[in-house]
Full PDB file with SEQRES, HELIX, SHEET, SSBOND, CRYST1, ORIGX, SCALE, CONECT and MASTER records, all heavy atoms in Angstrom:
SEQRES   1 A   33  ALA GLY ASP MET ARG ARG ARG PHE PRO ASP ILE PRO VAL          
SEQRES   2 A   33  ASP ILE VAL ILE ALA SER ILE ARG ASP ARG ASN ALA MET          
SEQRES   3 A   33  GLU GLU VAL PHE ALA ARG PHE                                  
HELIX    1 AA1 GLY A    2  ARG A    7  1                                   6    
HELIX    2 AA2 ARG A   23  ARG A   32  1                                  10    
CRYST1    1.000    1.000    1.000  90.00  90.00  90.00 P 1           1          
ORIGX1      1.000000  0.000000  0.000000        0.00000                         
ORIGX2      0.000000  1.000000  0.000000        0.00000                         
ORIGX3      0.000000  0.000000  1.000000        0.00000                         
SCALE1      1.000000  0.000000  0.000000        0.00000                         
SCALE2      0.000000  1.000000  0.000000        0.00000                         
SCALE3      0.000000  0.000000  1.000000        0.00000                         
ATOM      1  N   ALA A   1       0.844  -1.229  -0.008  1.00  0.00           N  
ATOM      2  CA  ALA A   1       0.026  -0.007   0.032  1.00  0.00           C  
ATOM      3  C   ALA A   1       0.884   1.239   0.024  1.00  0.00           C  
ATOM      4  O   ALA A   1       0.592   2.248  -0.721  1.00  0.00           O  
ATOM      5  CB  ALA A   1      -0.949   0.010   1.240  1.00  0.00           C  
ATOM      6  N   GLY A   2       1.933   1.252   0.785  1.00  0.00           N  
ATOM      7  CA  GLY A   2       2.824   2.401   0.773  1.00  0.00           C  
ATOM      8  C   GLY A   2       3.442   2.685  -0.559  1.00  0.00           C  
ATOM      9  O   GLY A   2       3.554   3.753  -1.048  1.00  0.00           O  
ATOM     10  N   ASP A   3       3.873   1.600  -1.252  1.00  0.00           N  
ATOM     11  CA  ASP A   3       4.483   1.689  -2.532  1.00  0.00           C  
ATOM     12  C   ASP A   3       3.440   2.178  -3.538  1.00  0.00           C  
ATOM     13  O   ASP A   3       3.720   3.078  -4.355  1.00  0.00           O  
ATOM     14  CB  ASP A   3       5.019   0.321  -2.984  1.00  0.00           C  
ATOM     15  CG  ASP A   3       5.749   0.355  -4.254  1.00  0.00           C  
ATOM     16  OD1 ASP A   3       6.580   1.324  -4.440  1.00  0.00           O  
ATOM     17  OD2 ASP A   3       5.531  -0.514  -5.129  1.00  0.00           O  
ATOM     18  N   MET A   4       2.242   1.649  -3.501  1.00  0.00           N  
ATOM     19  CA  MET A   4       1.173   2.112  -4.373  1.00  0.00           C  
ATOM     20  C   MET A   4       0.839   3.589  -4.178  1.00  0.00           C  
ATOM     21  O   MET A   4       0.670   4.346  -5.180  1.00  0.00           O  
ATOM     22  CB  MET A   4      -0.121   1.255  -4.156  1.00  0.00           C  
ATOM     23  CG  MET A   4       0.041  -0.163  -4.536  1.00  0.00           C  
ATOM     24  SD  MET A   4       0.246  -0.498  -6.282  1.00  0.00           S  
ATOM     25  CE  MET A   4      -1.261   0.212  -6.964  1.00  0.00           C  
ATOM     26  N   ARG A   5       0.814   4.015  -2.947  1.00  0.00           N  
ATOM     27  CA  ARG A   5       0.448   5.409  -2.652  1.00  0.00           C  
ATOM     28  C   ARG A   5       1.573   6.367  -3.128  1.00  0.00           C  
ATOM     29  O   ARG A   5       1.248   7.431  -3.601  1.00  0.00           O  
ATOM     30  CB  ARG A   5       0.211   5.628  -1.178  1.00  0.00           C  
ATOM     31  CG  ARG A   5      -1.123   4.964  -0.714  1.00  0.00           C  
ATOM     32  CD  ARG A   5      -1.259   5.036   0.785  1.00  0.00           C  
ATOM     33  NE  ARG A   5      -2.581   4.461   1.212  1.00  0.00           N  
ATOM     34  CZ  ARG A   5      -2.749   3.688   2.209  1.00  0.00           C  
ATOM     35  NH1 ARG A   5      -1.768   3.361   3.044  1.00  0.00           N  
ATOM     36  NH2 ARG A   5      -3.958   3.213   2.489  1.00  0.00           N  
ATOM     37  N   ARG A   6       2.817   5.940  -3.048  1.00  0.00           N  
ATOM     38  CA  ARG A   6       3.919   6.744  -3.589  1.00  0.00           C  
ATOM     39  C   ARG A   6       3.922   6.838  -5.099  1.00  0.00           C  
ATOM     40  O   ARG A   6       4.147   7.856  -5.684  1.00  0.00           O  
ATOM     41  CB  ARG A   6       5.283   6.213  -3.103  1.00  0.00           C  
ATOM     42  CG  ARG A   6       5.635   6.528  -1.664  1.00  0.00           C  
ATOM     43  CD  ARG A   6       7.064   6.127  -1.271  1.00  0.00           C  
ATOM     44  NE  ARG A   6       7.257   4.678  -1.391  1.00  0.00           N  
ATOM     45  CZ  ARG A   6       6.884   3.818  -0.404  1.00  0.00           C  
ATOM     46  NH1 ARG A   6       6.237   4.270   0.701  1.00  0.00           N  
ATOM     47  NH2 ARG A   6       7.112   2.507  -0.523  1.00  0.00           N  
ATOM     48  N   ARG A   7       3.699   5.702  -5.740  1.00  0.00           N  
ATOM     49  CA  ARG A   7       3.754   5.631  -7.161  1.00  0.00           C  
ATOM     50  C   ARG A   7       2.550   6.168  -7.849  1.00  0.00           C  
ATOM     51  O   ARG A   7       2.654   6.678  -8.939  1.00  0.00           O  
ATOM     52  CB  ARG A   7       4.018   4.182  -7.577  1.00  0.00           C  
ATOM     53  CG  ARG A   7       5.366   3.707  -7.136  1.00  0.00           C  
ATOM     54  CD  ARG A   7       5.583   2.221  -7.435  1.00  0.00           C  
ATOM     55  NE  ARG A   7       5.900   2.078  -8.855  1.00  0.00           N  
ATOM     56  CZ  ARG A   7       5.945   0.923  -9.483  1.00  0.00           C  
ATOM     57  NH1 ARG A   7       5.754  -0.191  -8.830  1.00  0.00           N  
ATOM     58  NH2 ARG A   7       6.219   0.857 -10.782  1.00  0.00           N  
ATOM     59  N   PHE A   8       1.425   6.045  -7.235  1.00  0.00           N  
ATOM     60  CA  PHE A   8       0.115   6.418  -7.805  1.00  0.00           C  
ATOM     61  C   PHE A   8      -0.721   7.254  -6.809  1.00  0.00           C  
ATOM     62  O   PHE A   8      -1.741   6.756  -6.320  1.00  0.00           O  
ATOM     63  CB  PHE A   8      -0.664   5.204  -8.270  1.00  0.00           C  
ATOM     64  CG  PHE A   8       0.110   4.262  -9.158  1.00  0.00           C  
ATOM     65  CD1 PHE A   8       0.659   3.126  -8.677  1.00  0.00           C  
ATOM     66  CD2 PHE A   8       0.285   4.597 -10.521  1.00  0.00           C  
ATOM     67  CE1 PHE A   8       1.382   2.274  -9.465  1.00  0.00           C  
ATOM     68  CE2 PHE A   8       1.019   3.788 -11.314  1.00  0.00           C  
ATOM     69  CZ  PHE A   8       1.578   2.593 -10.822  1.00  0.00           C  
ATOM     70  N   PRO A   9      -0.240   8.433  -6.470  1.00  0.00           N  
ATOM     71  CA  PRO A   9      -0.847   9.222  -5.390  1.00  0.00           C  
ATOM     72  C   PRO A   9      -2.304   9.594  -5.608  1.00  0.00           C  
ATOM     73  O   PRO A   9      -3.035   9.870  -4.677  1.00  0.00           O  
ATOM     74  CB  PRO A   9       0.025  10.418  -5.269  1.00  0.00           C  
ATOM     75  CG  PRO A   9       0.751  10.534  -6.590  1.00  0.00           C  
ATOM     76  CD  PRO A   9       0.881   9.128  -7.121  1.00  0.00           C  
ATOM     77  N   ASP A  10      -2.788   9.548  -6.826  1.00  0.00           N  
ATOM     78  CA  ASP A  10      -4.137   9.956  -7.126  1.00  0.00           C  
ATOM     79  C   ASP A  10      -5.141   8.775  -6.993  1.00  0.00           C  
ATOM     80  O   ASP A  10      -6.359   8.933  -7.129  1.00  0.00           O  
ATOM     81  CB  ASP A  10      -4.265  10.549  -8.579  1.00  0.00           C  
ATOM     82  CG  ASP A  10      -3.470  11.818  -8.689  1.00  0.00           C  
ATOM     83  OD1 ASP A  10      -3.328  12.499  -7.666  1.00  0.00           O  
ATOM     84  OD2 ASP A  10      -3.010  12.119  -9.791  1.00  0.00           O  
ATOM     85  N   ILE A  11      -4.632   7.546  -6.769  1.00  0.00           N  
ATOM     86  CA  ILE A  11      -5.529   6.399  -6.619  1.00  0.00           C  
ATOM     87  C   ILE A  11      -5.676   6.079  -5.158  1.00  0.00           C  
ATOM     88  O   ILE A  11      -4.652   5.766  -4.471  1.00  0.00           O  
ATOM     89  CB  ILE A  11      -4.918   5.174  -7.374  1.00  0.00           C  
ATOM     90  CG1 ILE A  11      -4.826   5.485  -8.899  1.00  0.00           C  
ATOM     91  CG2 ILE A  11      -5.767   3.923  -7.144  1.00  0.00           C  
ATOM     92  CD1 ILE A  11      -4.146   4.394  -9.673  1.00  0.00           C  
ATOM     93  N   PRO A  12      -6.899   6.167  -4.613  1.00  0.00           N  
ATOM     94  CA  PRO A  12      -7.085   5.790  -3.232  1.00  0.00           C  
ATOM     95  C   PRO A  12      -6.846   4.334  -3.054  1.00  0.00           C  
ATOM     96  O   PRO A  12      -7.213   3.476  -3.825  1.00  0.00           O  
ATOM     97  CB  PRO A  12      -8.582   6.186  -2.991  1.00  0.00           C  
ATOM     98  CG  PRO A  12      -9.183   6.505  -4.296  1.00  0.00           C  
ATOM     99  CD  PRO A  12      -8.116   6.585  -5.358  1.00  0.00           C  
ATOM    100  N   VAL A  13      -6.169   4.029  -1.854  1.00  0.00           N  
ATOM    101  CA  VAL A  13      -5.809   2.639  -1.576  1.00  0.00           C  
ATOM    102  C   VAL A  13      -6.428   2.346  -0.219  1.00  0.00           C  
ATOM    103  O   VAL A  13      -6.162   3.051   0.771  1.00  0.00           O  
ATOM    104  CB  VAL A  13      -4.281   2.416  -1.560  1.00  0.00           C  
ATOM    105  CG1 VAL A  13      -3.982   1.040  -1.104  1.00  0.00           C  
ATOM    106  CG2 VAL A  13      -3.722   2.710  -2.924  1.00  0.00           C  
ATOM    107  N   ASP A  14      -7.237   1.284  -0.142  1.00  0.00           N  
ATOM    108  CA  ASP A  14      -7.761   0.815   1.149  1.00  0.00           C  
ATOM    109  C   ASP A  14      -7.120  -0.552   1.452  1.00  0.00           C  
ATOM    110  O   ASP A  14      -6.849  -1.366   0.574  1.00  0.00           O  
ATOM    111  CB  ASP A  14      -9.278   0.590   1.062  1.00  0.00           C  
ATOM    112  CG  ASP A  14     -10.058   1.890   0.990  1.00  0.00           C  
ATOM    113  OD1 ASP A  14     -10.055   2.577   2.019  1.00  0.00           O  
ATOM    114  OD2 ASP A  14     -10.677   2.110  -0.057  1.00  0.00           O  
ATOM    115  N   ILE A  15      -6.793  -0.781   2.724  1.00  0.00           N  
ATOM    116  CA  ILE A  15      -6.214  -2.024   3.145  1.00  0.00           C  
ATOM    117  C   ILE A  15      -7.256  -2.765   3.994  1.00  0.00           C  
ATOM    118  O   ILE A  15      -7.869  -2.223   4.877  1.00  0.00           O  
ATOM    119  CB  ILE A  15      -4.940  -1.784   4.034  1.00  0.00           C  
ATOM    120  CG1 ILE A  15      -3.822  -1.067   3.248  1.00  0.00           C  
ATOM    121  CG2 ILE A  15      -4.505  -3.090   4.570  1.00  0.00           C  
ATOM    122  CD1 ILE A  15      -2.661  -0.702   4.111  1.00  0.00           C  
ATOM    123  N   VAL A  16      -7.383  -4.074   3.651  1.00  0.00           N  
ATOM    124  CA  VAL A  16      -8.293  -4.943   4.455  1.00  0.00           C  
ATOM    125  C   VAL A  16      -7.484  -6.141   4.944  1.00  0.00           C  
ATOM    126  O   VAL A  16      -6.839  -6.785   4.142  1.00  0.00           O  
ATOM    127  CB  VAL A  16      -9.483  -5.399   3.638  1.00  0.00           C  
ATOM    128  CG1 VAL A  16     -10.318  -6.414   4.423  1.00  0.00           C  
ATOM    129  CG2 VAL A  16     -10.309  -4.224   3.170  1.00  0.00           C  
ATOM    130  N   ILE A  17      -7.458  -6.335   6.210  1.00  0.00           N  
ATOM    131  CA  ILE A  17      -6.794  -7.541   6.759  1.00  0.00           C  
ATOM    132  C   ILE A  17      -7.936  -8.604   7.031  1.00  0.00           C  
ATOM    133  O   ILE A  17      -8.797  -8.399   7.850  1.00  0.00           O  
ATOM    134  CB  ILE A  17      -6.067  -7.243   8.046  1.00  0.00           C  
ATOM    135  CG1 ILE A  17      -5.013  -6.120   7.855  1.00  0.00           C  
ATOM    136  CG2 ILE A  17      -5.350  -8.529   8.603  1.00  0.00           C  
ATOM    137  CD1 ILE A  17      -3.987  -6.380   6.783  1.00  0.00           C  
ATOM    138  N   ALA A  18      -7.852  -9.673   6.254  1.00  0.00           N  
ATOM    139  CA  ALA A  18      -8.874 -10.723   6.389  1.00  0.00           C  
ATOM    140  C   ALA A  18      -8.333 -11.949   5.679  1.00  0.00           C  
ATOM    141  O   ALA A  18      -7.400 -11.953   4.905  1.00  0.00           O  
ATOM    142  CB  ALA A  18     -10.192 -10.283   5.701  1.00  0.00           C  
ATOM    143  N   SER A  19      -9.012 -13.077   5.965  1.00  0.00           N  
ATOM    144  CA  SER A  19      -8.685 -14.402   5.363  1.00  0.00           C  
ATOM    145  C   SER A  19      -9.676 -14.737   4.283  1.00  0.00           C  
ATOM    146  O   SER A  19     -10.902 -14.634   4.567  1.00  0.00           O  
ATOM    147  CB  SER A  19      -8.603 -15.456   6.445  1.00  0.00           C  
ATOM    148  OG  SER A  19      -8.419 -16.696   5.808  1.00  0.00           O  
ATOM    149  N   ILE A  20      -9.216 -15.133   3.151  1.00  0.00           N  
ATOM    150  CA  ILE A  20     -10.121 -15.660   2.150  1.00  0.00           C  
ATOM    151  C   ILE A  20     -10.787 -16.930   2.575  1.00  0.00           C  
ATOM    152  O   ILE A  20     -11.783 -17.328   1.947  1.00  0.00           O  
ATOM    153  CB  ILE A  20      -9.384 -15.922   0.789  1.00  0.00           C  
ATOM    154  CG1 ILE A  20      -8.315 -16.950   0.919  1.00  0.00           C  
ATOM    155  CG2 ILE A  20      -8.819 -14.596   0.294  1.00  0.00           C  
ATOM    156  CD1 ILE A  20      -7.722 -17.397  -0.400  1.00  0.00           C  
ATOM    157  N   ARG A  21     -10.306 -17.547   3.589  1.00  0.00           N  
ATOM    158  CA  ARG A  21     -10.945 -18.749   4.151  1.00  0.00           C  
ATOM    159  C   ARG A  21     -12.224 -18.465   4.867  1.00  0.00           C  
ATOM    160  O   ARG A  21     -13.034 -19.344   5.100  1.00  0.00           O  
ATOM    161  CB  ARG A  21      -9.939 -19.470   5.105  1.00  0.00           C  
ATOM    162  CG  ARG A  21      -8.652 -19.806   4.377  1.00  0.00           C  
ATOM    163  CD  ARG A  21      -7.588 -20.038   5.354  1.00  0.00           C  
ATOM    164  NE  ARG A  21      -7.762 -21.265   6.042  1.00  0.00           N  
ATOM    165  CZ  ARG A  21      -6.800 -21.994   6.576  1.00  0.00           C  
ATOM    166  NH1 ARG A  21      -5.547 -21.554   6.497  1.00  0.00           N  
ATOM    167  NH2 ARG A  21      -6.972 -23.154   7.127  1.00  0.00           N  
ATOM    168  N   ASP A  22     -12.382 -17.231   5.232  1.00  0.00           N  
ATOM    169  CA  ASP A  22     -13.561 -16.799   6.041  1.00  0.00           C  
ATOM    170  C   ASP A  22     -14.582 -16.201   5.033  1.00  0.00           C  
ATOM    171  O   ASP A  22     -14.555 -15.077   4.659  1.00  0.00           O  
ATOM    172  CB  ASP A  22     -13.117 -15.707   7.052  1.00  0.00           C  
ATOM    173  CG  ASP A  22     -14.230 -15.263   7.969  1.00  0.00           C  
ATOM    174  OD1 ASP A  22     -15.423 -15.391   7.585  1.00  0.00           O  
ATOM    175  OD2 ASP A  22     -13.888 -14.649   8.998  1.00  0.00           O  
ATOM    176  N   ARG A  23     -15.577 -17.046   4.734  1.00  0.00           N  
ATOM    177  CA  ARG A  23     -16.551 -16.640   3.721  1.00  0.00           C  
ATOM    178  C   ARG A  23     -17.343 -15.393   4.180  1.00  0.00           C  
ATOM    179  O   ARG A  23     -17.623 -14.508   3.395  1.00  0.00           O  
ATOM    180  CB  ARG A  23     -17.535 -17.815   3.506  1.00  0.00           C  
ATOM    181  CG  ARG A  23     -18.644 -17.530   2.438  1.00  0.00           C  
ATOM    182  CD  ARG A  23     -19.465 -18.792   2.233  1.00  0.00           C  
ATOM    183  NE  ARG A  23     -20.691 -18.475   1.505  1.00  0.00           N  
ATOM    184  CZ  ARG A  23     -20.688 -18.315   0.175  1.00  0.00           C  
ATOM    185  NH1 ARG A  23     -19.616 -18.372  -0.547  1.00  0.00           N  
ATOM    186  NH2 ARG A  23     -21.795 -17.985  -0.432  1.00  0.00           N  
ATOM    187  N   ASN A  24     -17.695 -15.333   5.426  1.00  0.00           N  
ATOM    188  CA  ASN A  24     -18.403 -14.139   5.913  1.00  0.00           C  
ATOM    189  C   ASN A  24     -17.585 -12.880   5.763  1.00  0.00           C  
ATOM    190  O   ASN A  24     -18.127 -11.823   5.417  1.00  0.00           O  
ATOM    191  CB  ASN A  24     -18.860 -14.336   7.411  1.00  0.00           C  
ATOM    192  CG  ASN A  24     -19.887 -15.407   7.525  1.00  0.00           C  
ATOM    193  OD1 ASN A  24     -20.697 -15.658   6.653  1.00  0.00           O  
ATOM    194  ND2 ASN A  24     -19.927 -16.072   8.719  1.00  0.00           N  
ATOM    195  N   ALA A  25     -16.320 -12.984   6.098  1.00  0.00           N  
ATOM    196  CA  ALA A  25     -15.444 -11.798   5.918  1.00  0.00           C  
ATOM    197  C   ALA A  25     -15.381 -11.358   4.441  1.00  0.00           C  
ATOM    198  O   ALA A  25     -15.440 -10.181   4.119  1.00  0.00           O  
ATOM    199  CB  ALA A  25     -14.051 -12.100   6.420  1.00  0.00           C  
ATOM    200  N   MET A  26     -15.326 -12.322   3.539  1.00  0.00           N  
ATOM    201  CA  MET A  26     -15.300 -12.044   2.126  1.00  0.00           C  
ATOM    202  C   MET A  26     -16.554 -11.403   1.676  1.00  0.00           C  
ATOM    203  O   MET A  26     -16.551 -10.384   0.878  1.00  0.00           O  
ATOM    204  CB  MET A  26     -14.993 -13.301   1.268  1.00  0.00           C  
ATOM    205  CG  MET A  26     -13.603 -13.867   1.432  1.00  0.00           C  
ATOM    206  SD  MET A  26     -12.292 -12.699   1.026  1.00  0.00           S  
ATOM    207  CE  MET A  26     -11.875 -12.071   2.663  1.00  0.00           C  
ATOM    208  N   GLU A  27     -17.706 -11.868   2.174  1.00  0.00           N  
ATOM    209  CA  GLU A  27     -18.937 -11.216   1.864  1.00  0.00           C  
ATOM    210  C   GLU A  27     -18.995  -9.785   2.321  1.00  0.00           C  
ATOM    211  O   GLU A  27     -19.483  -8.895   1.596  1.00  0.00           O  
ATOM    212  CB  GLU A  27     -20.119 -12.032   2.389  1.00  0.00           C  
ATOM    213  CG  GLU A  27     -21.422 -11.554   1.930  1.00  0.00           C  
ATOM    214  CD  GLU A  27     -22.505 -12.643   1.987  1.00  0.00           C  
ATOM    215  OE1 GLU A  27     -22.344 -13.615   2.716  1.00  0.00           O  
ATOM    216  OE2 GLU A  27     -23.535 -12.436   1.361  1.00  0.00           O  
ATOM    217  N   GLU A  28     -18.535  -9.513   3.521  1.00  0.00           N  
ATOM    218  CA  GLU A  28     -18.502  -8.128   4.059  1.00  0.00           C  
ATOM    219  C   GLU A  28     -17.650  -7.209   3.180  1.00  0.00           C  
ATOM    220  O   GLU A  28     -18.003  -6.101   2.901  1.00  0.00           O  
ATOM    221  CB  GLU A  28     -18.012  -8.123   5.475  1.00  0.00           C  
ATOM    222  CG  GLU A  28     -18.988  -8.739   6.445  1.00  0.00           C  
ATOM    223  CD  GLU A  28     -18.355  -8.912   7.873  1.00  0.00           C  
ATOM    224  OE1 GLU A  28     -17.293  -8.282   8.138  1.00  0.00           O  
ATOM    225  OE2 GLU A  28     -19.002  -9.584   8.685  1.00  0.00           O  
ATOM    226  N   VAL A  29     -16.486  -7.769   2.801  1.00  0.00           N  
ATOM    227  CA  VAL A  29     -15.544  -6.951   1.951  1.00  0.00           C  
ATOM    228  C   VAL A  29     -16.192  -6.655   0.625  1.00  0.00           C  
ATOM    229  O   VAL A  29     -16.163  -5.500   0.142  1.00  0.00           O  
ATOM    230  CB  VAL A  29     -14.198  -7.683   1.780  1.00  0.00           C  
ATOM    231  CG1 VAL A  29     -13.360  -6.989   0.720  1.00  0.00           C  
ATOM    232  CG2 VAL A  29     -13.476  -7.703   3.165  1.00  0.00           C  
ATOM    233  N   PHE A  30     -16.705  -7.646  -0.020  1.00  0.00           N  
ATOM    234  CA  PHE A  30     -17.329  -7.456  -1.376  1.00  0.00           C  
ATOM    235  C   PHE A  30     -18.552  -6.557  -1.295  1.00  0.00           C  
ATOM    236  O   PHE A  30     -18.833  -5.726  -2.179  1.00  0.00           O  
ATOM    237  CB  PHE A  30     -17.663  -8.764  -2.030  1.00  0.00           C  
ATOM    238  CG  PHE A  30     -16.533  -9.402  -2.754  1.00  0.00           C  
ATOM    239  CD1 PHE A  30     -15.517 -10.049  -2.046  1.00  0.00           C  
ATOM    240  CD2 PHE A  30     -16.442  -9.313  -4.173  1.00  0.00           C  
ATOM    241  CE1 PHE A  30     -14.464 -10.601  -2.752  1.00  0.00           C  
ATOM    242  CE2 PHE A  30     -15.354  -9.834  -4.858  1.00  0.00           C  
ATOM    243  CZ  PHE A  30     -14.355 -10.539  -4.131  1.00  0.00           C  
ATOM    244  N   ALA A  31     -19.359  -6.701  -0.208  1.00  0.00           N  
ATOM    245  CA  ALA A  31     -20.549  -5.792  -0.061  1.00  0.00           C  
ATOM    246  C   ALA A  31     -20.069  -4.358   0.186  1.00  0.00           C  
ATOM    247  O   ALA A  31     -20.715  -3.404  -0.341  1.00  0.00           O  
ATOM    248  CB  ALA A  31     -21.364  -6.298   1.127  1.00  0.00           C  
ATOM    249  N   ARG A  32     -19.009  -4.166   0.865  1.00  0.00           N  
ATOM    250  CA  ARG A  32     -18.558  -2.795   1.161  1.00  0.00           C  
ATOM    251  C   ARG A  32     -17.940  -2.130  -0.062  1.00  0.00           C  
ATOM    252  O   ARG A  32     -18.186  -0.964  -0.369  1.00  0.00           O  
ATOM    253  CB  ARG A  32     -17.539  -2.849   2.275  1.00  0.00           C  
ATOM    254  CG  ARG A  32     -16.954  -1.489   2.639  1.00  0.00           C  
ATOM    255  CD  ARG A  32     -15.923  -1.542   3.786  1.00  0.00           C  
ATOM    256  NE  ARG A  32     -15.357  -0.257   3.943  1.00  0.00           N  
ATOM    257  CZ  ARG A  32     -14.283  -0.111   4.684  1.00  0.00           C  
ATOM    258  NH1 ARG A  32     -13.658  -1.148   5.337  1.00  0.00           N  
ATOM    259  NH2 ARG A  32     -13.673   1.063   4.784  1.00  0.00           N  
ATOM    260  N   PHE A  33     -17.079  -2.863  -0.753  1.00  0.00           N  
ATOM    261  CA  PHE A  33     -16.293  -2.234  -1.838  1.00  0.00           C  
ATOM    262  C   PHE A  33     -16.784  -2.464  -3.214  1.00  0.00           C  
ATOM    263  O   PHE A  33     -16.454  -1.723  -4.173  1.00  0.00           O  
ATOM    264  CB  PHE A  33     -14.817  -2.705  -1.764  1.00  0.00           C  
ATOM    265  CG  PHE A  33     -14.089  -2.173  -0.554  1.00  0.00           C  
ATOM    266  CD1 PHE A  33     -13.867  -3.022   0.535  1.00  0.00           C  
ATOM    267  CD2 PHE A  33     -13.690  -0.861  -0.458  1.00  0.00           C  
ATOM    268  CE1 PHE A  33     -13.240  -2.527   1.707  1.00  0.00           C  
ATOM    269  CE2 PHE A  33     -13.002  -0.392   0.649  1.00  0.00           C  
ATOM    270  CZ  PHE A  33     -12.789  -1.227   1.725  1.00  0.00           C  
TER     271      PHE A  33                                                      
MASTER        0    0    0    2    0    0    0    6  270    1    0    3          
END                                                                             
C-alpha cells in the first residue's frame, strides 16, 4: 500500500486484513467495496 500510494498518489488505496478462508469476511468486503 505504501508503494502504491507513492507511485500512484491519485488512486485511493484501502487495506483490508482478512482471510479468504472466512466466507463471511469475504462477503462483508465485497458488499462494502
